[in-house]
């Protein structure tokens, strides 16, 4: 599953950054969508559940590379 323009609103901020507005059925899916974008990001106006989902996603990724 990737991100399509139908699911996202991209708002330019300046020459080097933009705001990506996304929605999903649950925080876990939204975390996956955000991390599938090949770019650094920060959260603005995000619910605490999204930060929790991102932490869980990061922990799974770190665990996978530690075992590699």
PDB file of N, CA and C in Angstrom:
ATOM      1  N   UNK A   1       0.843  -1.169   0.000  1.00  0.00           N
ATOM      2  CA  UNK A   1       0.000   0.000   0.000  1.00  0.00           C
ATOM      3  C   UNK A   1       0.890   1.234   0.000  1.00  0.00           C
ATOM      4  N   UNK A   2       0.693   2.121  -0.941  1.00  0.00           N
ATOM      5  CA  UNK A   2       1.438   3.370  -1.003  1.00  0.00           C
ATOM      6  C   UNK A   2       0.518   4.538  -0.746  1.00  0.00           C
ATOM      7  N   UNK A   3       1.056   5.698  -0.863  1.00  0.00           N
ATOM      8  CA  UNK A   3       0.260   6.906  -0.680  1.00  0.00           C
ATOM      9  C   UNK A   3      -0.069   7.467  -2.046  1.00  0.00           C
ATOM     10  N   UNK A   4      -1.330   7.689  -2.302  1.00  0.00           N
ATOM     11  CA  UNK A   4      -1.736   8.315  -3.556  1.00  0.00           C
ATOM     12  C   UNK A   4      -2.202   9.729  -3.263  1.00  0.00           C
ATOM     13  N   UNK A   5      -2.208  10.554  -4.286  1.00  0.00           N
ATOM     14  CA  UNK A   5      -2.666  11.928  -4.100  1.00  0.00           C
ATOM     15  C   UNK A   5      -4.126  11.988  -3.686  1.00  0.00           C
ATOM     16  N   UNK A   6      -4.874  10.943  -3.963  1.00  0.00           N
ATOM     17  CA  UNK A   6      -6.272  10.904  -3.536  1.00  0.00           C
ATOM     18  C   UNK A   6      -6.379  10.811  -2.019  1.00  0.00           C
ATOM     19  N   UNK A   7      -5.338  10.286  -1.374  1.00  0.00           N
ATOM     20  CA  UNK A   7      -5.349  10.103   0.073  1.00  0.00           C
ATOM     21  C   UNK A   7      -4.601  11.194   0.818  1.00  0.00           C
ATOM     22  N   UNK A   8      -3.890  12.061   0.103  1.00  0.00           N
ATOM     23  CA  UNK A   8      -3.020  13.027   0.761  1.00  0.00           C
ATOM     24  C   UNK A   8      -3.195  14.419   0.169  1.00  0.00           C
ATOM     25  N   UNK A   9      -2.955  15.402   1.005  1.00  0.00           N
ATOM     26  CA  UNK A   9      -2.896  16.783   0.562  1.00  0.00           C
ATOM     27  C   UNK A   9      -1.491  17.273   0.867  1.00  0.00           C
ATOM     28  N   UNK A  10      -0.772  17.702  -0.161  1.00  0.00           N
ATOM     29  CA  UNK A  10       0.588  18.203   0.005  1.00  0.00           C
ATOM     30  C   UNK A  10       0.544  19.718  -0.121  1.00  0.00           C
ATOM     31  N   UNK A  11       1.002  20.395   0.918  1.00  0.00           N
ATOM     32  CA  UNK A  11       0.970  21.856   0.978  1.00  0.00           C
ATOM     33  C   UNK A  11       2.406  22.384   1.060  1.00  0.00           C
ATOM     34  N   UNK A  12       2.905  23.052   0.002  1.00  0.00           N
ATOM     35  CA  UNK A  12       4.265  23.593   0.055  1.00  0.00           C
ATOM     36  C   UNK A  12       4.411  24.614   1.186  1.00  0.00           C
ATOM     37  N   UNK A  13       5.566  24.577   1.861  1.00  0.00           N
ATOM     38  CA  UNK A  13       5.877  25.543   2.907  1.00  0.00           C
ATOM     39  C   UNK A  13       6.954  26.504   2.410  1.00  0.00           C
ATOM     40  N   UNK A  14       8.034  25.940   1.873  1.00  0.00           N
ATOM     41  CA  UNK A  14       9.121  26.720   1.291  1.00  0.00           C
ATOM     42  C   UNK A  14       9.838  25.835   0.280  1.00  0.00           C
ATOM     43  N   UNK A  15      11.037  26.242  -0.151  1.00  0.00           N
ATOM     44  CA  UNK A  15      11.759  25.472  -1.167  1.00  0.00           C
ATOM     45  C   UNK A  15      12.206  24.097  -0.682  1.00  0.00           C
ATOM     46  N   UNK A  16      12.277  23.910   0.633  1.00  0.00           N
ATOM     47  CA  UNK A  16      12.813  22.664   1.179  1.00  0.00           C
ATOM     48  C   UNK A  16      11.829  21.834   1.987  1.00  0.00           C
ATOM     49  N   UNK A  17      10.606  22.311   2.149  1.00  0.00           N
ATOM     50  CA  UNK A  17       9.686  21.558   2.999  1.00  0.00           C
ATOM     51  C   UNK A  17       8.237  21.737   2.563  1.00  0.00           C
ATOM     52  N   UNK A  18       7.418  20.821   3.065  1.00  0.00           N
ATOM     53  CA  UNK A  18       5.987  20.867   2.785  1.00  0.00           C
ATOM     54  C   UNK A  18       5.243  20.265   3.968  1.00  0.00           C
ATOM     55  N   UNK A  19       3.947  20.465   3.974  1.00  0.00           N
ATOM     56  CA  UNK A  19       3.072  19.799   4.929  1.00  0.00           C
ATOM     57  C   UNK A  19       2.343  18.697   4.186  1.00  0.00           C
ATOM     58  N   UNK A  20       2.335  17.526   4.759  1.00  0.00           N
ATOM     59  CA  UNK A  20       1.631  16.387   4.185  1.00  0.00           C
ATOM     60  C   UNK A  20       0.453  16.080   5.098  1.00  0.00           C
ATOM     61  N   UNK A  21      -0.748  16.286   4.593  1.00  0.00           N
ATOM     62  CA  UNK A  21      -1.969  16.038   5.365  1.00  0.00           C
ATOM     63  C   UNK A  21      -2.496  14.661   4.983  1.00  0.00           C
ATOM     64  N   UNK A  22      -2.615  13.787   5.976  1.00  0.00           N
ATOM     65  CA  UNK A  22      -3.057  12.412   5.741  1.00  0.00           C
ATOM     66  C   UNK A  22      -4.122  12.019   6.749  1.00  0.00           C
ATOM     67  N   UNK A  23      -4.880  11.036   6.392  1.00  0.00           N
ATOM     68  CA  UNK A  23      -5.821  10.428   7.308  1.00  0.00           C
ATOM     69  C   UNK A  23      -5.826   8.930   7.083  1.00  0.00           C
ATOM     70  N   UNK A  24      -6.213   8.190   8.098  1.00  0.00           N
ATOM     71  CA  UNK A  24      -6.272   6.734   7.992  1.00  0.00           C
ATOM     72  C   UNK A  24      -7.314   6.223   8.980  1.00  0.00           C
ATOM     73  N   UNK A  25      -7.661   4.956   8.823  1.00  0.00           N
ATOM     74  CA  UNK A  25      -8.656   4.344   9.702  1.00  0.00           C
ATOM     75  C   UNK A  25      -8.161   4.184  11.135  1.00  0.00           C
ATOM     76  N   UNK A  26      -6.834   4.047  11.292  1.00  0.00           N
ATOM     77  CA  UNK A  26      -6.289   3.883  12.636  1.00  0.00           C
ATOM     78  C   UNK A  26      -4.854   4.403  12.668  1.00  0.00           C
ATOM     79  N   UNK A  27      -4.318   4.697  13.850  1.00  0.00           N
ATOM     80  CA  UNK A  27      -2.970   5.250  13.958  1.00  0.00           C
ATOM     81  C   UNK A  27      -1.889   4.336  13.388  1.00  0.00           C
ATOM     82  N   UNK A  28      -2.043   3.024  13.514  1.00  0.00           N
ATOM     83  CA  UNK A  28      -1.043   2.094  12.980  1.00  0.00           C
ATOM     84  C   UNK A  28      -0.909   2.240  11.471  1.00  0.00           C
ATOM     85  N   UNK A  29      -2.047   2.316  10.765  1.00  0.00           N
ATOM     86  CA  UNK A  29      -2.002   2.490   9.312  1.00  0.00           C
ATOM     87  C   UNK A  29      -1.407   3.836   8.935  1.00  0.00           C
ATOM     88  N   UNK A  30      -1.733   4.860   9.686  1.00  0.00           N
ATOM     89  CA  UNK A  30      -1.194   6.187   9.405  1.00  0.00           C
ATOM     90  C   UNK A  30       0.317   6.210   9.619  1.00  0.00           C
ATOM     91  N   UNK A  31       0.800   5.550  10.660  1.00  0.00           N
ATOM     92  CA  UNK A  31       2.244   5.462  10.898  1.00  0.00           C
ATOM     93  C   UNK A  31       2.932   4.780   9.725  1.00  0.00           C
ATOM     94  N   UNK A  32       2.342   3.719   9.213  1.00  0.00           N
ATOM     95  CA  UNK A  32       2.918   3.027   8.061  1.00  0.00           C
ATOM     96  C   UNK A  32       2.960   3.954   6.849  1.00  0.00           C
ATOM     97  N   UNK A  33       1.893   4.684   6.615  1.00  0.00           N
ATOM     98  CA  UNK A  33       1.841   5.588   5.468  1.00  0.00           C
ATOM     99  C   UNK A  33       2.914   6.670   5.576  1.00  0.00           C
ATOM    100  N   UNK A  34       3.053   7.260   6.748  1.00  0.00           N
ATOM    101  CA  UNK A  34       4.038   8.327   6.935  1.00  0.00           C
ATOM    102  C   UNK A  34       5.448   7.804   6.718  1.00  0.00           C
ATOM    103  N   UNK A  35       5.760   6.650   7.277  1.00  0.00           N
ATOM    104  CA  UNK A  35       7.122   6.127   7.169  1.00  0.00           C
ATOM    105  C   UNK A  35       7.423   5.537   5.808  1.00  0.00           C
ATOM    106  N   UNK A  36       6.417   5.364   4.966  1.00  0.00           N
ATOM    107  CA  UNK A  36       6.685   4.873   3.610  1.00  0.00           C
ATOM    108  C   UNK A  36       7.155   5.994   2.689  1.00  0.00           C
ATOM    109  N   UNK A  37       7.042   7.239   3.129  1.00  0.00           N
ATOM    110  CA  UNK A  37       7.550   8.381   2.369  1.00  0.00           C
ATOM    111  C   UNK A  37       9.048   8.482   2.639  1.00  0.00           C
ATOM    112  N   UNK A  38       9.855   8.553   1.597  1.00  0.00           N
ATOM    113  CA  UNK A  38      11.310   8.600   1.750  1.00  0.00           C
ATOM    114  C   UNK A  38      11.755  10.034   2.055  1.00  0.00           C
ATOM    115  N   UNK A  39      11.420  10.487   3.268  1.00  0.00           N
ATOM    116  CA  UNK A  39      11.762  11.849   3.675  1.00  0.00           C
ATOM    117  C   UNK A  39      11.733  11.942   5.196  1.00  0.00           C
ATOM    118  N   UNK A  40      12.547  12.833   5.727  1.00  0.00           N
ATOM    119  CA  UNK A  40      12.462  13.128   7.156  1.00  0.00           C
ATOM    120  C   UNK A  40      11.142  13.832   7.416  1.00  0.00           C
ATOM    121  N   UNK A  41      10.639  13.705   8.627  1.00  0.00           N
ATOM    122  CA  UNK A  41       9.366  14.344   8.942  1.00  0.00           C
ATOM    123  C   UNK A  41       9.292  14.683  10.420  1.00  0.00           C
ATOM    124  N   UNK A  42       8.376  15.562  10.738  1.00  0.00           N
ATOM    125  CA  UNK A  42       8.014  15.851  12.122  1.00  0.00           C
ATOM    126  C   UNK A  42       6.499  15.919  12.179  1.00  0.00           C
ATOM    127  N   UNK A  43       5.960  15.699  13.352  1.00  0.00           N
ATOM    128  CA  UNK A  43       4.511  15.686  13.524  1.00  0.00           C
ATOM    129  C   UNK A  43       4.014  17.048  13.987  1.00  0.00           C
ATOM    130  N   UNK A  44       2.937  17.502  13.379  1.00  0.00           N
ATOM    131  CA  UNK A  44       2.244  18.700  13.835  1.00  0.00           C
ATOM    132  C   UNK A  44       0.763  18.358  13.911  1.00  0.00           C
ATOM    133  N   UNK A  45       0.112  18.800  14.939  1.00  0.00           N
ATOM    134  CA  UNK A  45      -1.327  18.545  15.108  1.00  0.00           C
ATOM    135  C   UNK A  45      -1.673  17.061  15.042  1.00  0.00           C
ATOM    136  N   UNK A  46      -0.829  16.229  15.642  1.00  0.00           N
ATOM    137  CA  UNK A  46      -1.048  14.784  15.611  1.00  0.00           C
ATOM    138  C   UNK A  46      -1.550  14.303  16.970  1.00  0.00           C
ATOM    139  N   UNK A  47      -2.460  13.344  16.975  1.00  0.00           N
ATOM    140  CA  UNK A  47      -2.925  12.799  18.255  1.00  0.00           C
ATOM    141  C   UNK A  47      -1.833  11.957  18.917  1.00  0.00           C
ATOM    142  N   UNK A  48      -1.847  11.845  20.238  1.00  0.00           N
ATOM    143  CA  UNK A  48      -0.847  11.038  20.946  1.00  0.00           C
ATOM    144  C   UNK A  48      -0.815   9.590  20.460  1.00  0.00           C
ATOM    145  N   UNK A  49      -1.938   9.069  20.013  1.00  0.00           N
ATOM    146  CA  UNK A  49      -1.986   7.682  19.527  1.00  0.00           C
ATOM    147  C   UNK A  49      -1.095   7.486  18.305  1.00  0.00           C
ATOM    148  N   UNK A  50      -0.933   8.527  17.498  1.00  0.00           N
ATOM    149  CA  UNK A  50      -0.047   8.415  16.333  1.00  0.00           C
ATOM    150  C   UNK A  50       1.400   8.329  16.783  1.00  0.00           C
ATOM    151  N   UNK A  51       1.790   9.144  17.748  1.00  0.00           N
ATOM    152  CA  UNK A  51       3.154   9.061  18.274  1.00  0.00           C
ATOM    153  C   UNK A  51       3.412   7.672  18.854  1.00  0.00           C
ATOM    154  N   UNK A  52       2.450   7.111  19.561  1.00  0.00           N
ATOM    155  CA  UNK A  52       2.590   5.753  20.103  1.00  0.00           C
ATOM    156  C   UNK A  52       2.757   4.734  18.984  1.00  0.00           C
ATOM    157  N   UNK A  53       1.973   4.864  17.922  1.00  0.00           N
ATOM    158  CA  UNK A  53       2.062   3.936  16.792  1.00  0.00           C
ATOM    159  C   UNK A  53       3.412   4.059  16.096  1.00  0.00           C
ATOM    160  N   UNK A  54       3.930   5.280  15.971  1.00  0.00           N
ATOM    161  CA  UNK A  54       5.250   5.472  15.363  1.00  0.00           C
ATOM    162  C   UNK A  54       6.345   4.863  16.229  1.00  0.00           C
ATOM    163  N   UNK A  55       6.230   4.998  17.548  1.00  0.00           N
ATOM    164  CA  UNK A  55       7.216   4.380  18.443  1.00  0.00           C
ATOM    165  C   UNK A  55       7.206   2.858  18.300  1.00  0.00           C
ATOM    166  N   UNK A  56       6.030   2.270  18.228  1.00  0.00           N
ATOM    167  CA  UNK A  56       5.921   0.816  18.069  1.00  0.00           C
ATOM    168  C   UNK A  56       6.500   0.378  16.727  1.00  0.00           C
ATOM    169  N   UNK A  57       6.217   1.140  15.673  1.00  0.00           N
ATOM    170  CA  UNK A  57       6.742   0.838  14.336  1.00  0.00           C
ATOM    171  C   UNK A  57       8.274   0.922  14.354  1.00  0.00           C
ATOM    172  N   UNK A  58       8.810   1.973  14.965  1.00  0.00           N
ATOM    173  CA  UNK A  58      10.261   2.141  15.054  1.00  0.00           C
ATOM    174  C   UNK A  58      10.899   1.002  15.842  1.00  0.00           C
ATOM    175  N   UNK A  59      10.268   0.587  16.920  1.00  0.00           N
ATOM    176  CA  UNK A  59      10.808  -0.507  17.731  1.00  0.00           C
ATOM    177  C   UNK A  59      10.867  -1.804  16.930  1.00  0.00           C
ATOM    178  N   UNK A  60       9.824  -2.081  16.142  1.00  0.00           N
ATOM    179  CA  UNK A  60       9.835  -3.288  15.304  1.00  0.00           C
ATOM    180  C   UNK A  60      10.955  -3.217  14.274  1.00  0.00           C
ATOM    181  N   UNK A  61      11.144  -2.051  13.666  1.00  0.00           N
ATOM    182  CA  UNK A  61      12.205  -1.889  12.664  1.00  0.00           C
ATOM    183  C   UNK A  61      13.582  -2.049  13.299  1.00  0.00           C
ATOM    184  N   UNK A  62      13.801  -1.418  14.454  1.00  0.00           N
ATOM    185  CA  UNK A  62      15.085  -1.548  15.137  1.00  0.00           C
ATOM    186  C   UNK A  62      15.352  -2.986  15.555  1.00  0.00           C
ATOM    187  N   UNK A  63      14.340  -3.670  16.025  1.00  0.00           N
ATOM    188  CA  UNK A  63      14.490  -5.067  16.406  1.00  0.00           C
ATOM    189  C   UNK A  63      14.895  -5.917  15.202  1.00  0.00           C
ATOM    190  N   UNK A  64      14.318  -5.629  14.056  1.00  0.00           N
ATOM    191  CA  UNK A  64      14.636  -6.398  12.846  1.00  0.00           C
ATOM    192  C   UNK A  64      16.092  -6.207  12.427  1.00  0.00           C
ATOM    193  N   UNK A  65      16.600  -4.976  12.483  1.00  0.00           N
ATOM    194  CA  UNK A  65      17.977  -4.756  12.045  1.00  0.00           C
ATOM    195  C   UNK A  65      18.986  -5.225  13.082  1.00  0.00           C
ATOM    196  N   UNK A  66      18.610  -5.259  14.334  1.00  0.00           N
ATOM    197  CA  UNK A  66      19.517  -5.798  15.356  1.00  0.00           C
ATOM    198  C   UNK A  66      19.757  -7.285  15.133  1.00  0.00           C
ATOM    199  N   UNK A  67      18.760  -7.979  14.638  1.00  0.00           N
ATOM    200  CA  UNK A  67      18.861  -9.421  14.415  1.00  0.00           C
ATOM    201  C   UNK A  67      19.470  -9.758  13.060  1.00  0.00           C
ATOM    202  N   UNK A  68      19.643  -8.761  12.211  1.00  0.00           N
ATOM    203  CA  UNK A  68      20.147  -9.011  10.847  1.00  0.00           C
ATOM    204  C   UNK A  68      21.642  -9.259  10.856  1.00  0.00           C
TER     205      UNK A  68
END
